[in-house]
C-alpha atoms as a PDB file:
ATOM      1  CA  MET A   1     228.527 166.546 -15.242  1.00  0.00           C
ATOM      2  CA  GLU A   2     224.836 165.736 -14.780  1.00  0.00           C
ATOM      3  CA  ARG A   3     223.902 169.444 -15.002  1.00  0.00           C
ATOM      4  CA  LEU A   4     225.827 169.788 -18.288  1.00  0.00           C
ATOM      5  CA  LYS A   5     224.006 166.741 -19.656  1.00  0.00           C
ATOM      6  CA  GLU A   6     220.622 168.216 -18.652  1.00  0.00           C
ATOM      7  CA  GLU A   7     221.473 171.567 -20.264  1.00  0.00           C
ATOM      8  CA  LYS A   8     222.391 169.872 -23.544  1.00  0.00           C
ATOM      9  CA  ILE A   9     219.139 167.936 -23.506  1.00  0.00           C
ATOM     10  CA  LYS A  10     217.193 171.141 -22.908  1.00  0.00           C
ATOM     11  CA  LYS A  11     218.961 172.872 -25.803  1.00  0.00           C
ATOM     12  CA  ALA A  12     218.388 169.895 -28.083  1.00  0.00           C
ATOM     13  CA  ARG A  13     214.709 169.827 -27.114  1.00  0.00           C
ATOM     14  CA  LEU A  14     214.364 173.561 -27.733  1.00  0.00           C
ATOM     15  CA  ASN A  15     215.991 173.142 -31.150  1.00  0.00           C
ATOM     16  CA  ASP A  16     213.489 170.371 -31.948  1.00  0.00           C
ATOM     17  CA  ILE A  17     210.562 172.546 -30.903  1.00  0.00           C
ATOM     18  CA  VAL A  18     211.774 175.615 -32.818  1.00  0.00           C
ATOM     19  CA  GLY A  19     212.445 173.479 -35.893  1.00  0.00           C
ATOM     20  CA  GLN A  20     209.029 171.822 -35.808  1.00  0.00           C
ATOM     21  CA  VAL A  21     207.125 175.087 -35.286  1.00  0.00           C
ATOM     22  CA  LYS A  22     209.197 176.730 -38.026  1.00  0.00           C
ATOM     23  CA  ASN A  23     208.480 173.900 -40.458  1.00  0.00           C
ATOM     24  CA  ASP A  24     204.743 173.943 -39.716  1.00  0.00           C
ATOM     25  CA  ILE A  25     204.284 177.712 -40.012  1.00  0.00           C
ATOM     26  CA  LEU A  26     207.020 178.879 -42.388  1.00  0.00           C
ATOM     27  CA  GLY A  27     207.851 175.690 -44.275  1.00  0.00           C
ATOM     28  CA  LYS A  28     210.842 173.370 -44.393  1.00  0.00           C
ATOM     29  CA  ARG A  29     212.774 175.528 -46.852  1.00  0.00           C
ATOM     30  CA  TYR A  30     212.689 178.599 -44.614  1.00  0.00           C
ATOM     31  CA  GLU A  31     216.099 179.250 -43.020  1.00  0.00           C
ATOM     32  CA  LEU A  32     215.749 180.363 -39.415  1.00  0.00           C
ATOM     33  CA  SER A  33     218.454 181.649 -37.112  1.00  0.00           C
ATOM     34  CA  PHE A  34     217.596 181.511 -33.408  1.00  0.00           C
ATOM     35  CA  ALA A  35     219.677 183.009 -30.587  1.00  0.00           C
ATOM     36  CA  PHE A  36     219.509 184.276 -27.035  1.00  0.00           C
ATOM     37  CA  ILE A  37     220.576 187.818 -26.187  1.00  0.00           C
ATOM     38  CA  ASP A  38     220.994 189.730 -22.934  1.00  0.00           C
ATOM     39  CA  LYS A  39     218.921 192.693 -21.729  1.00  0.00           C
ATOM     40  CA  THR A  40     221.438 195.279 -22.905  1.00  0.00           C
ATOM     41  CA  ARG A  41     221.465 193.929 -26.459  1.00  0.00           C
ATOM     42  CA  SER A  42     217.684 193.543 -26.433  1.00  0.00           C
ATOM     43  CA  LYS A  43     217.231 197.179 -25.410  1.00  0.00           C
ATOM     44  CA  PHE A  44     219.698 198.381 -28.058  1.00  0.00           C
ATOM     45  CA  LEU A  45     218.041 196.402 -30.865  1.00  0.00           C
ATOM     46  CA  ASN A  46     214.525 197.299 -29.726  1.00  0.00           C
ATOM     47  CA  LYS A  47     215.440 201.000 -29.699  1.00  0.00           C
ATOM     48  CA  THR A  48     217.271 200.805 -33.029  1.00  0.00           C
ATOM     49  CA  TYR A  49     214.644 198.880 -34.985  1.00  0.00           C
ATOM     50  CA  ARG A  50     211.371 199.527 -33.145  1.00  0.00           C
ATOM     51  CA  LYS A  51     212.030 202.936 -31.560  1.00  0.00           C
ATOM     52  CA  LYS A  52     211.176 201.525 -28.118  1.00  0.00           C
ATOM     53  CA  ASP A  53     213.728 202.399 -25.443  1.00  0.00           C
ATOM     54  CA  LYS A  54     213.379 199.268 -23.325  1.00  0.00           C
ATOM     55  CA  PRO A  55     214.391 195.625 -23.552  1.00  0.00           C
ATOM     56  CA  THR A  56     211.877 193.150 -24.911  1.00  0.00           C
ATOM     57  CA  ASP A  57     211.460 189.401 -24.646  1.00  0.00           C
ATOM     58  CA  ALA A  58     211.606 188.563 -28.365  1.00  0.00           C
ATOM     59  CA  LEU A  59     212.570 190.203 -31.631  1.00  0.00           C
ATOM     60  CA  SER A  60     211.920 188.853 -35.122  1.00  0.00           C
ATOM     61  CA  PHE A  61     213.819 189.994 -38.173  1.00  0.00           C
ATOM     62  CA  PRO A  62     212.749 188.809 -41.622  1.00  0.00           C
ATOM     63  CA  LEU A  63     215.893 188.923 -43.753  1.00  0.00           C
ATOM     64  CA  ASP A  64     214.171 188.039 -47.019  1.00  0.00           C
ATOM     65  CA  LYS A  65     211.295 185.863 -48.242  1.00  0.00           C
ATOM     66  CA  ASN A  66     212.875 182.601 -47.067  1.00  0.00           C
ATOM     67  CA  ARG A  67     215.185 183.652 -44.222  1.00  0.00           C
ATOM     68  CA  GLY A  68     214.715 185.207 -40.823  1.00  0.00           C
ATOM     69  CA  GLU A  69     216.099 185.586 -37.344  1.00  0.00           C
ATOM     70  CA  ILE A  70     214.604 185.337 -33.867  1.00  0.00           C
ATOM     71  CA  LEU A  71     216.349 186.781 -30.820  1.00  0.00           C
ATOM     72  CA  ILE A  72     215.049 186.021 -27.332  1.00  0.00           C
ATOM     73  CA  CYS A  73     216.043 187.662 -24.061  1.00  0.00           C
ATOM     74  CA  LYS A  74     215.690 185.045 -21.315  1.00  0.00           C
ATOM     75  CA  GLU A  75     215.818 187.673 -18.547  1.00  0.00           C
ATOM     76  CA  ILE A  76     212.765 189.513 -19.878  1.00  0.00           C
ATOM     77  CA  ALA A  77     211.008 186.248 -20.777  1.00  0.00           C
ATOM     78  CA  LYS A  78     211.365 185.095 -17.146  1.00  0.00           C
ATOM     79  CA  ILE A  79     209.894 188.367 -15.863  1.00  0.00           C
ATOM     80  CA  LYS A  80     206.978 188.178 -18.293  1.00  0.00           C
ATOM     81  CA  SER A  81     206.280 184.524 -17.549  1.00  0.00           C
ATOM     82  CA  VAL A  82     205.752 185.529 -13.909  1.00  0.00           C
ATOM     83  CA  LYS A  83     203.645 188.538 -14.936  1.00  0.00           C
ATOM     84  CA  PHE A  84     201.394 186.321 -17.070  1.00  0.00           C
ATOM     85  CA  GLU A  85     201.386 183.545 -14.426  1.00  0.00           C
ATOM     86  CA  MET A  86     202.732 181.052 -16.919  1.00  0.00           C
ATOM     87  CA  PRO A  87     205.477 178.472 -16.385  1.00  0.00           C
ATOM     88  CA  TYR A  88     208.706 179.708 -17.973  1.00  0.00           C
ATOM     89  CA  ARG A  89     208.982 176.856 -20.470  1.00  0.00           C
ATOM     90  CA  ASN A  90     205.375 177.420 -21.584  1.00  0.00           C
ATOM     91  CA  TYR A  91     206.057 181.112 -22.067  1.00  0.00           C
ATOM     92  CA  MET A  92     209.171 180.285 -24.110  1.00  0.00           C
ATOM     93  CA  LEU A  93     207.058 178.079 -26.380  1.00  0.00           C
ATOM     94  CA  PHE A  94     204.554 180.906 -26.784  1.00  0.00           C
ATOM     95  CA  LEU A  95     207.378 183.366 -27.602  1.00  0.00           C
ATOM     96  CA  VAL A  96     208.774 181.098 -30.309  1.00  0.00           C
ATOM     97  CA  ILE A  97     205.326 180.749 -31.892  1.00  0.00           C
ATOM     98  CA  HIS A  98     204.686 184.493 -31.598  1.00  0.00           C
ATOM     99  CA  ALA A  99     208.025 185.397 -33.181  1.00  0.00           C
ATOM    100  CA  ILE A 100     207.550 182.912 -36.022  1.00  0.00           C
ATOM    101  CA  PHE A 101     204.146 184.382 -36.852  1.00  0.00           C
ATOM    102  CA  HIS A 102     205.795 187.800 -37.111  1.00  0.00           C
ATOM    103  CA  LEU A 103     208.258 186.289 -39.602  1.00  0.00           C
ATOM    104  CA  LYS A 104     205.249 184.970 -41.509  1.00  0.00           C
ATOM    105  CA  GLY A 105     204.140 188.597 -41.862  1.00  0.00           C
ATOM    106  CA  PHE A 106     201.489 188.803 -39.159  1.00  0.00           C
ATOM    107  CA  LYS A 107     201.007 191.999 -37.177  1.00  0.00           C
ATOM    108  CA  HIS A 108     199.446 192.029 -33.704  1.00  0.00           C
ATOM    109  CA  SER A 109     195.751 191.329 -34.222  1.00  0.00           C
ATOM    110  CA  ASP A 110     192.900 189.103 -33.123  1.00  0.00           C
ATOM    111  CA  LYS A 111     193.618 186.838 -36.101  1.00  0.00           C
ATOM    112  CA  MET A 112     197.275 186.440 -35.081  1.00  0.00           C
ATOM    113  CA  GLU A 113     196.224 185.712 -31.510  1.00  0.00           C
ATOM    114  CA  ARG A 114     193.805 182.977 -32.632  1.00  0.00           C
ATOM    115  CA  TYR A 115     196.539 181.304 -34.691  1.00  0.00           C
ATOM    116  CA  GLU A 116     199.012 181.601 -31.815  1.00  0.00           C
ATOM    117  CA  LEU A 117     196.620 179.989 -29.360  1.00  0.00           C
ATOM    118  CA  THR A 118     195.848 177.152 -31.777  1.00  0.00           C
ATOM    119  CA  TYR A 119     199.536 176.368 -32.312  1.00  0.00           C
ATOM    120  CA  TYR A 120     200.375 176.902 -28.643  1.00  0.00           C
ATOM    121  CA  SER A 121     197.731 174.359 -27.583  1.00  0.00           C
ATOM    122  CA  ARG A 122     198.989 171.860 -30.149  1.00  0.00           C
ATOM    123  CA  TYR A 123     202.650 172.145 -29.165  1.00  0.00           C
ATOM    124  CA  ARG A 124     202.033 172.393 -25.437  1.00  0.00           C
ATOM    125  CA  ARG A 125     200.370 168.977 -25.521  1.00  0.00           C
ATOM    126  CA  ARG A 126     203.144 167.552 -27.669  1.00  0.00           C
ATOM    127  CA  TYR A 127     206.253 168.992 -25.996  1.00  0.00           C
ATOM    128  CA  LEU A 128     205.513 170.214 -22.475  1.00  0.00           C
END
């Protein structure tokens, strides 16, 4: 019972974090769908939409100007958090920020990285 309670708290906290980051970067009116997927689904979607035949940690799909979707693969995120020597929960925060900036229209660049680091520092102090 205690484990179930902890899991619900973690999910509620993650929802709070995603919602706050979304509101700050995309605005309160932006509708965001957020879900976890497994490695098989991640690989399929990454190959279908990005032409990369491997699973990835996060995918962002802008649906229109005010709606988008973020899909995160926990298995790959755990592997990458170890690779980057970052606690898993910190890496998850970074992934959410990274994915939201893609929904904002940013492509990988120095400018995107500067924004990500600014927001990551802000939210790490607040939530982690």
